Amino acid sequence: MAEGQALIGARSRIGRVAVYAVLVVVAIAALAPIVATVLGGFKSLGDLRVNPAGLPREWIWSNYVGILTSATYWRMLVNSFLIAGWSVVFTIVFASMVAFAFAQFQFRGKRALLSYVTLGLMFPTATAVVPLFVILTQLGLVDSHLGVILPKVAGGMTMAVLLFYKFFQGIPRDLADAAEVDGCGHLTFYWRILMPLSTPIIATVAIVNFVASWNLYFLPMILLNSPE
C-alpha cells in the first residue's frame, strides 16, 4: 500500500515537473520576440542585420530617445489608440443590437440573415481593399479616422454578433417576461438587463477586436495619407 502511494506521488511530481517545463518553454517562446524587439532598438542598422537576436555590440540609446521625444510618434500612437478604441466601442454597440434582435425576435428570413452574417468569417478584410477604397473615396472618408474605423467595425462584426447571439440565447425567456411585466420595453431590457449580464462577452469582444484593430496595419496605411 505504501509503495503504491509512493509510486503515485512520484508520478504526480514527474507530471508536475513536465507541465512546468512545458509552460517555461511556452513562456520563453512568447517572450523571445518581445525581448529581441526591445534589444533591436538599441542596435545600429548594420548590427541589426548581422545580429538580429543577440545583444547589441554597441548600445545606442539615441534610438529610443529620438522616438520618445518625437511629436510624430506620439501623434501616431494616440491615433492608433483612438481608432482601435472607437472600433471596439462601435463593434460592441452594433453587434450586441444585431444579436439582440436575432435572439429575442422571430421574423421571416431570420435564419437566412444569420447565415449571411456568418459569411463574414470566410472573407478577410484584405479581399475588399479595392472596392472599399473606391467607396470611401466617393463618400469623402479617405484620409480620415472614420474612414478607417468603419471598415474595422465591419470586419469585427461577424464574430462579435455570433458571441453575443449565443449568450443572449442562453438568457431564460422568463427573465424577459418578468421584465415586460414590470414595464420594461425592449430597449430598456436590452440596455439595463442584458448588457450588464453580458460583461464577460463584452470583455472578450473588446480584447479580441482591439488586438485585431491594432494589428491591422495595412488598412490605415492605404487609407491615411497625411501625417496628422
Protein backbone atom coordinates (compact mmCIF):
# COMPACT_ATOMS: atom_id res chain seq x y z
CA MET A 1 0.00 0.00 0.00
CA ALA A 2 2.76 2.41 0.96
CA GLU A 3 4.73 1.51 -2.15
CA GLY A 4 1.69 2.23 -4.33
CA GLN A 5 1.17 5.63 -2.75
CA ALA A 6 4.87 6.43 -3.17
CA LEU A 7 4.66 5.45 -6.85
CA ILE A 8 1.59 7.62 -7.36
CA GLY A 9 3.34 10.51 -5.61
CA ALA A 10 6.44 10.11 -7.79
CA ARG A 11 4.33 10.08 -10.95
CA SER A 12 2.47 13.16 -9.76
CA ARG A 13 5.74 15.02 -9.17
CA ILE A 14 7.07 13.96 -12.58
CA GLY A 15 3.86 15.13 -14.23
CA ARG A 16 4.02 18.45 -12.39
CA VAL A 17 7.63 18.98 -13.44
CA ALA A 18 6.72 18.14 -17.05
CA VAL A 19 3.87 20.66 -17.01
CA TYR A 20 6.13 23.37 -15.57
CA ALA A 21 8.78 22.59 -18.18
CA VAL A 22 6.25 22.97 -21.00
CA LEU A 23 4.99 26.25 -19.51
CA VAL A 24 8.54 27.58 -19.28
CA VAL A 25 9.18 26.70 -22.93
CA VAL A 26 5.93 28.39 -23.99
CA ALA A 27 6.78 31.48 -21.92
CA ILE A 28 10.24 31.70 -23.48
CA ALA A 29 8.77 31.32 -26.97
CA ALA A 30 6.26 34.11 -26.24
CA LEU A 31 8.77 36.49 -24.65
CA ALA A 32 11.69 35.93 -27.05
CA PRO A 33 10.28 38.09 -29.90
CA ILE A 34 9.48 40.90 -27.45
CA VAL A 35 12.96 40.81 -25.92
CA ALA A 36 14.57 40.68 -29.39
CA THR A 37 12.48 43.68 -30.49
CA VAL A 38 13.45 45.74 -27.44
CA LEU A 39 17.13 44.87 -27.84
CA GLY A 40 16.92 45.65 -31.56
CA GLY A 41 16.01 49.21 -30.66
CA PHE A 42 19.46 49.68 -29.16
CA LYS A 43 21.32 48.48 -32.27
CA SER A 44 22.57 50.23 -35.36
CA LEU A 45 21.10 49.15 -38.69
CA GLY A 46 24.25 47.23 -39.60
CA ASP A 47 24.34 45.43 -36.25
CA LEU A 48 20.66 44.56 -36.59
CA ARG A 49 21.25 42.93 -39.96
CA VAL A 50 24.12 40.68 -38.85
CA ASN A 51 22.98 40.15 -35.25
CA PRO A 52 19.17 40.32 -35.13
CA ALA A 53 18.61 38.25 -31.97
CA GLY A 54 21.72 38.79 -29.84
CA LEU A 55 22.84 41.56 -27.52
CA PRO A 56 23.87 44.85 -29.15
CA ARG A 57 27.57 45.25 -29.82
CA GLU A 58 27.15 48.92 -29.02
CA TRP A 59 24.19 50.25 -27.05
CA ILE A 60 22.75 53.19 -28.99
CA TRP A 61 20.39 54.96 -26.59
CA SER A 62 19.68 57.76 -29.04
CA ASN A 63 17.33 55.46 -30.98
CA TYR A 64 14.79 55.39 -28.16
CA VAL A 65 15.45 59.00 -27.16
CA GLY A 66 14.70 60.09 -30.72
CA ILE A 67 11.41 58.18 -30.79
CA LEU A 68 10.19 59.18 -27.34
CA THR A 69 10.89 62.86 -27.98
CA SER A 70 9.25 62.83 -31.42
CA ALA A 71 5.87 64.55 -31.66
CA THR A 72 5.08 62.47 -34.75
CA TYR A 73 5.48 59.22 -32.80
CA TRP A 74 3.12 60.31 -30.03
CA ARG A 75 0.57 61.62 -32.53
CA MET A 76 0.60 58.28 -34.36
CA LEU A 77 0.30 56.39 -31.07
CA VAL A 78 -2.69 58.48 -29.99
CA ASN A 79 -4.30 57.99 -33.41
CA SER A 80 -3.81 54.23 -33.12
CA PHE A 81 -5.48 54.16 -29.70
CA LEU A 82 -8.35 56.35 -30.90
CA ILE A 83 -9.01 54.22 -33.98
CA ALA A 84 -8.77 50.92 -32.10
CA GLY A 85 -10.82 52.22 -29.16
CA TRP A 86 -13.68 53.61 -31.22
CA SER A 87 -13.67 50.49 -33.39
CA VAL A 88 -14.23 48.42 -30.25
CA VAL A 89 -17.00 50.70 -28.96
CA PHE A 90 -18.93 50.72 -32.24
CA THR A 91 -18.47 46.98 -32.71
CA ILE A 92 -19.85 46.19 -29.24
CA VAL A 93 -22.84 48.51 -29.64
CA PHE A 94 -23.85 47.44 -33.14
CA ALA A 95 -23.09 43.73 -32.71
CA SER A 96 -25.00 43.48 -29.43
CA MET A 97 -28.03 45.18 -31.00
CA VAL A 98 -28.00 42.85 -34.00
CA ALA A 99 -27.57 39.81 -31.75
CA PHE A 100 -30.40 41.02 -29.51
CA ALA A 101 -32.74 41.21 -32.49
CA PHE A 102 -31.78 37.71 -33.62
CA ALA A 103 -32.10 36.21 -30.14
CA GLN A 104 -35.28 37.91 -28.93
CA PHE A 105 -37.49 38.20 -32.01
CA GLN A 106 -38.93 35.78 -34.51
CA PHE A 107 -39.27 37.11 -38.05
CA ARG A 108 -39.27 35.83 -41.61
CA GLY A 109 -35.82 35.33 -43.08
CA LYS A 110 -34.10 35.23 -39.70
CA ARG A 111 -32.16 32.04 -40.46
CA ALA A 112 -31.08 33.35 -43.88
CA LEU A 113 -29.91 36.66 -42.40
CA LEU A 114 -27.96 34.88 -39.67
CA SER A 115 -26.29 32.69 -42.30
CA TYR A 116 -25.46 35.82 -44.30
CA VAL A 117 -23.81 37.36 -41.23
CA THR A 118 -21.61 34.29 -40.75
CA LEU A 119 -20.30 34.65 -44.32
CA GLY A 120 -18.09 37.42 -42.99
CA LEU A 121 -15.86 34.77 -41.44
CA MET A 122 -14.95 33.49 -44.90
CA PHE A 123 -13.56 36.72 -46.34
CA PRO A 124 -10.65 38.61 -44.78
CA THR A 125 -10.59 42.39 -44.96
CA ALA A 126 -7.73 42.30 -47.48
CA THR A 127 -10.05 40.86 -50.15
CA ALA A 128 -12.20 44.01 -50.06
CA VAL A 129 -9.48 46.66 -50.12
CA VAL A 130 -10.04 47.88 -53.69
CA PRO A 131 -13.87 48.26 -53.57
CA LEU A 132 -13.53 49.62 -50.04
CA PHE A 133 -11.12 52.30 -51.19
CA VAL A 134 -13.44 53.26 -54.07
CA ILE A 135 -16.49 53.52 -51.80
CA LEU A 136 -14.68 55.53 -49.13
CA THR A 137 -13.28 57.86 -51.80
CA GLN A 138 -16.78 58.51 -53.13
CA LEU A 139 -18.01 59.19 -49.57
CA GLY A 140 -15.09 61.52 -48.88
CA LEU A 141 -13.85 59.40 -45.97
CA VAL A 142 -10.34 58.66 -47.24
CA ASP A 143 -7.65 60.19 -45.02
CA SER A 144 -9.98 60.36 -42.01
CA HIS A 145 -10.28 58.39 -38.80
CA LEU A 146 -13.87 57.45 -39.59
CA GLY A 147 -12.80 56.00 -42.92
CA VAL A 148 -10.55 53.55 -41.06
CA ILE A 149 -12.88 52.88 -38.13
CA LEU A 150 -15.92 51.84 -40.19
CA PRO A 151 -14.17 49.04 -42.15
CA LYS A 152 -12.62 47.75 -38.93
CA VAL A 153 -16.04 47.70 -37.29
CA ALA A 154 -17.48 45.82 -40.25
CA GLY A 155 -14.62 43.33 -40.13
CA GLY A 156 -15.18 42.61 -36.43
CA MET A 157 -18.97 42.42 -36.54
CA THR A 158 -19.35 38.77 -37.55
CA MET A 159 -17.53 37.20 -34.62
CA ALA A 160 -18.99 39.72 -32.18
CA VAL A 161 -22.56 39.10 -33.36
CA LEU A 162 -22.14 35.34 -33.01
CA LEU A 163 -20.71 35.64 -29.49
CA PHE A 164 -23.48 37.97 -28.30
CA TYR A 165 -26.13 35.88 -30.07
CA LYS A 166 -25.13 32.63 -28.36
CA PHE A 167 -25.01 34.41 -24.99
CA PHE A 168 -28.39 36.08 -25.43
CA GLN A 169 -29.90 32.75 -26.46
CA GLY A 170 -28.90 31.34 -23.08
CA ILE A 171 -30.83 34.02 -21.18
CA PRO A 172 -34.06 32.46 -19.80
CA ARG A 173 -37.21 33.65 -21.50
CA ASP A 174 -38.77 34.07 -18.06
CA LEU A 175 -36.40 36.96 -17.41
CA ALA A 176 -37.70 38.84 -20.44
CA ASP A 177 -41.30 38.07 -19.45
CA ALA A 178 -40.71 39.32 -15.90
CA ALA A 179 -39.10 42.49 -17.23
CA GLU A 180 -42.05 43.04 -19.56
CA VAL A 181 -44.49 42.65 -16.66
CA ASP A 182 -42.51 45.28 -14.73
CA GLY A 183 -42.91 47.70 -17.63
CA CYS A 184 -39.56 47.25 -19.39
CA GLY A 185 -39.62 47.87 -23.11
CA HIS A 186 -37.31 46.04 -25.48
CA LEU A 187 -34.68 48.79 -25.41
CA THR A 188 -34.74 49.03 -21.61
CA PHE A 189 -34.45 45.25 -21.29
CA TYR A 190 -31.51 45.27 -23.68
CA TRP A 191 -29.66 48.16 -22.06
CA ARG A 192 -30.39 47.75 -18.34
CA ILE A 193 -30.61 43.97 -18.01
CA LEU A 194 -28.90 42.15 -20.87
CA MET A 195 -25.86 44.38 -21.28
CA PRO A 196 -24.85 44.28 -17.58
CA LEU A 197 -25.20 40.48 -17.70
CA SER A 198 -23.01 40.41 -20.83
CA THR A 199 -19.86 41.73 -19.14
CA PRO A 200 -17.79 38.58 -19.95
CA ILE A 201 -18.81 38.72 -23.63
CA ILE A 202 -18.18 42.46 -23.79
CA ALA A 203 -14.70 41.95 -22.35
CA THR A 204 -13.98 39.14 -24.81
CA VAL A 205 -15.17 41.14 -27.82
CA ALA A 206 -13.27 44.23 -26.64
CA ILE A 207 -9.96 42.40 -26.24
CA VAL A 208 -10.22 40.42 -29.48
CA ASN A 209 -11.29 43.40 -31.58
CA PHE A 210 -8.81 45.82 -30.02
CA VAL A 211 -5.91 43.48 -30.78
CA ALA A 212 -7.24 42.79 -34.29
CA SER A 213 -7.70 46.51 -34.98
CA TRP A 214 -4.26 47.34 -33.60
CA ASN A 215 -2.59 44.67 -35.75
CA LEU A 216 -4.45 45.61 -38.96
CA TYR A 217 -1.75 47.95 -40.20
CA PHE A 218 -2.25 47.82 -43.95
CA LEU A 219 -5.73 49.42 -43.83
CA PRO A 220 -4.66 52.77 -42.29
CA MET A 221 -1.51 52.61 -44.41
CA ILE A 222 -3.71 52.65 -47.52
CA LEU A 223 -6.49 54.97 -46.33
CA LEU A 224 -4.49 57.55 -44.35
CA ASN A 225 -2.14 59.80 -46.30
CA SER A 226 -1.47 62.89 -44.19
CA PRO A 227 0.84 62.74 -41.13
CA GLU A 228 -1.97 64.01 -38.90
